Amino acid sequence: MSPLEVTTPSLVALTAVITAAVIWLIIWAVRLTKAPRNRPNPSVDLVDQARELKALGQIREAVFLVRGETGMSQRAASRFVNRL
């Protein structure tokens, strides 16, 4: 048998390894796209404004303000305002 011949079991194993590597790379790429790289840092003025709106019972407006200033998602901005 020459060194370049590939037997069926080794071809199956090689195919399985390559397939697993490709699946792992796809999963890794999807996770990278979902994870935020840099979180927005709200300014002190924004925090004060959002706190004031929340104290006045205008929670939706506070969330809208935070979203507009930071680019946060609705969910993240709601959590932020609720924690003030």
Protein backbone atom coordinates (compact mmCIF):
# COMPACT_ATOMS: atom_id res chain seq x y z
CA MET A 1 0.00 0.00 0.00
CA SER A 2 1.45 3.36 -1.00
CA PRO A 3 1.60 6.26 1.50
CA LEU A 4 -0.92 8.28 -0.54
CA GLU A 5 -3.67 5.68 -0.41
CA VAL A 6 -6.50 6.50 1.97
CA THR A 7 -8.51 3.65 3.37
CA THR A 8 -12.25 3.88 3.97
CA PRO A 9 -12.10 4.02 7.81
CA SER A 10 -9.50 6.78 7.76
CA LEU A 11 -11.53 8.72 5.16
CA VAL A 12 -14.61 8.48 7.37
CA ALA A 13 -12.63 9.65 10.40
CA LEU A 14 -11.14 12.56 8.45
CA THR A 15 -14.59 13.58 7.20
CA ALA A 16 -15.97 13.45 10.75
CA VAL A 17 -13.15 15.62 12.10
CA ILE A 18 -13.56 18.21 9.34
CA THR A 19 -17.34 18.27 9.81
CA ALA A 20 -16.99 18.74 13.57
CA ALA A 21 -14.52 21.58 13.02
CA VAL A 22 -16.84 23.34 10.58
CA ILE A 23 -19.80 23.02 12.96
CA TRP A 24 -17.69 24.37 15.83
CA LEU A 25 -16.61 27.36 13.70
CA ILE A 26 -20.21 28.14 12.77
CA ILE A 27 -21.33 28.02 16.41
CA TRP A 28 -18.41 30.21 17.44
CA ALA A 29 -19.20 32.77 14.72
CA VAL A 30 -22.87 32.94 15.74
CA ARG A 31 -21.93 33.49 19.38
CA LEU A 32 -19.55 36.28 18.43
CA THR A 33 -22.25 38.11 16.51
CA LYS A 34 -24.69 37.92 19.43
CA ALA A 35 -22.30 39.05 22.15
CA PRO A 36 -21.99 42.81 22.46
CA ARG A 37 -18.38 43.88 22.16
CA ASN A 38 -18.61 47.17 23.98
CA ARG A 39 -21.34 48.01 26.39
CA PRO A 40 -22.70 51.53 26.36
CA ASN A 41 -21.64 53.67 29.28
CA PRO A 42 -24.42 56.08 30.17
CA SER A 43 -23.32 59.50 31.32
CA VAL A 44 -24.08 60.82 34.79
CA ASP A 45 -26.51 63.33 33.27
CA LEU A 46 -28.40 60.55 31.52
CA VAL A 47 -28.63 58.55 34.74
CA ASP A 48 -29.97 61.61 36.58
CA GLN A 49 -32.52 62.33 33.86
CA ALA A 50 -33.69 58.71 33.78
CA ARG A 51 -33.96 58.63 37.58
CA GLU A 52 -36.03 61.80 37.55
CA LEU A 53 -38.39 60.42 34.91
CA LYS A 54 -38.73 57.17 36.84
CA ALA A 55 -39.50 59.06 40.06
CA LEU A 56 -42.26 60.92 38.18
CA GLY A 57 -43.73 57.61 37.04
CA GLN A 58 -42.67 58.07 33.43
CA ILE A 59 -40.88 54.77 33.04
CA ARG A 60 -41.56 54.43 29.30
CA GLU A 61 -40.08 57.85 28.67
CA ALA A 62 -37.03 56.97 30.77
CA VAL A 63 -36.51 53.76 28.78
CA PHE A 64 -36.96 55.68 25.51
CA LEU A 65 -34.40 58.27 26.65
CA VAL A 66 -31.85 55.61 27.62
CA ARG A 67 -32.34 53.75 24.33
CA GLY A 68 -31.92 56.92 22.31
CA GLU A 69 -28.77 58.02 24.09
CA THR A 70 -26.97 54.69 24.36
CA GLY A 71 -28.34 52.48 21.58
CA MET A 72 -29.35 49.82 24.11
CA SER A 73 -32.04 47.33 23.23
CA GLN A 74 -35.52 47.71 24.71
CA ARG A 75 -34.84 44.91 27.15
CA ALA A 76 -31.47 46.26 28.29
CA ALA A 77 -32.79 49.80 28.69
CA SER A 78 -35.78 48.53 30.70
CA ARG A 79 -33.46 46.62 33.02
CA PHE A 80 -31.25 49.67 33.38
CA VAL A 81 -34.16 51.93 34.30
CA ASN A 82 -35.65 49.38 36.70
CA ARG A 83 -32.33 49.13 38.54
CA LEU A 84 -32.07 52.88 39.09
